[in-house]
Amino acid sequence: MPFNPEIAEELNVLALFNSETTQEGVKIHSSARVEVIAAAERLYKKELITQVDGGYLTELGRAAASHSEDLLSIIRS
């Protein structure tokens, strides 16, 4: 199944986080693109991030972000 634009945007939002620490969060500002705000909201509903506008990665979110980093690394090499 190919990545649709919504999934791609969610992966882009996950890429903003540092999956190696629980001490760094991300804030999606209200002035961000509508697609970014919507992606953050979907990630929150999927329990991958702690706040609707970013916050921190949950345990599941850290795993997802780590896997997405691995995928990007493979594709870019």
Protein backbone atom coordinates (compact mmCIF):
# COMPACT_ATOMS: atom_id res chain seq x y z
CA MET A 1 0.00 0.00 0.00
CA PRO A 2 1.55 3.35 -1.01
CA PHE A 3 1.86 6.22 1.42
CA ASN A 4 -0.98 8.67 0.95
CA PRO A 5 -0.36 12.40 1.61
CA GLU A 6 -1.82 12.18 5.14
CA ILE A 7 0.48 9.32 6.15
CA ALA A 8 3.46 11.11 4.61
CA GLU A 9 2.64 14.25 6.63
CA GLU A 10 2.34 12.20 9.82
CA LEU A 11 5.76 10.69 9.13
CA ASN A 12 7.13 14.21 8.60
CA VAL A 13 5.74 15.29 11.97
CA LEU A 14 7.23 12.21 13.66
CA ALA A 15 10.58 13.12 12.08
CA LEU A 16 10.53 16.40 14.05
CA PHE A 17 10.92 14.45 17.30
CA ASN A 18 14.11 13.01 18.77
CA SER A 19 13.16 9.38 19.32
CA GLU A 20 16.23 8.74 21.48
CA THR A 21 15.06 10.82 24.44
CA THR A 22 11.93 11.46 26.43
CA GLN A 23 13.17 14.91 27.43
CA GLU A 24 12.63 16.73 24.13
CA GLY A 25 9.22 17.70 22.84
CA VAL A 26 7.81 19.50 19.84
CA LYS A 27 5.30 22.33 19.65
CA ILE A 28 3.17 22.64 16.50
CA HIS A 29 2.18 26.29 16.37
CA SER A 30 -1.23 27.47 15.24
CA SER A 31 0.51 29.25 12.36
CA ALA A 32 1.82 25.94 10.96
CA ARG A 33 0.46 24.62 7.69
CA VAL A 34 -3.03 23.13 8.03
CA GLU A 35 -1.68 19.74 6.93
CA VAL A 36 0.89 19.72 9.74
CA ILE A 37 -1.71 20.65 12.36
CA ALA A 38 -4.04 17.93 11.08
CA ALA A 39 -1.21 15.36 11.09
CA ALA A 40 -0.38 16.19 14.71
CA GLU A 41 -4.04 15.82 15.65
CA ARG A 42 -4.15 12.38 14.00
CA LEU A 43 -0.96 11.30 15.76
CA TYR A 44 -2.47 12.40 19.06
CA LYS A 45 -5.64 10.40 18.38
CA LYS A 46 -3.47 7.38 17.57
CA GLU A 47 -1.72 7.90 20.94
CA LEU A 48 1.69 8.48 19.37
CA ILE A 49 2.14 11.95 20.89
CA THR A 50 1.00 13.37 24.21
CA GLN A 51 -0.63 16.61 23.08
CA VAL A 52 -2.83 17.54 20.16
CA ASP A 53 -0.23 20.18 19.20
CA GLY A 54 2.85 18.04 19.73
CA GLY A 55 4.11 17.53 23.23
CA TYR A 56 6.23 14.42 23.66
CA LEU A 57 6.33 11.03 22.02
CA THR A 58 4.51 8.27 23.82
CA GLU A 59 6.18 4.87 24.13
CA LEU A 60 4.39 3.78 20.94
CA GLY A 61 5.32 7.08 19.31
CA ARG A 62 9.00 6.58 20.12
CA ALA A 63 8.88 3.16 18.48
CA ALA A 64 7.12 4.58 15.41
CA ALA A 65 9.57 7.49 15.14
CA SER A 66 12.53 5.13 15.48
CA HIS A 67 11.19 2.86 12.75
CA SER A 68 10.52 5.83 10.48
CA GLU A 69 14.10 7.04 11.03
CA ASP A 70 15.37 3.57 10.08
CA LEU A 71 13.24 3.58 6.95
CA LEU A 72 14.50 7.03 5.92
CA SER A 73 18.07 5.92 6.50
CA ILE A 74 17.62 2.87 4.27
CA ILE A 75 15.90 4.83 1.51
CA ARG A 76 18.47 7.64 1.54
CA SER A 77 21.47 5.28 1.30
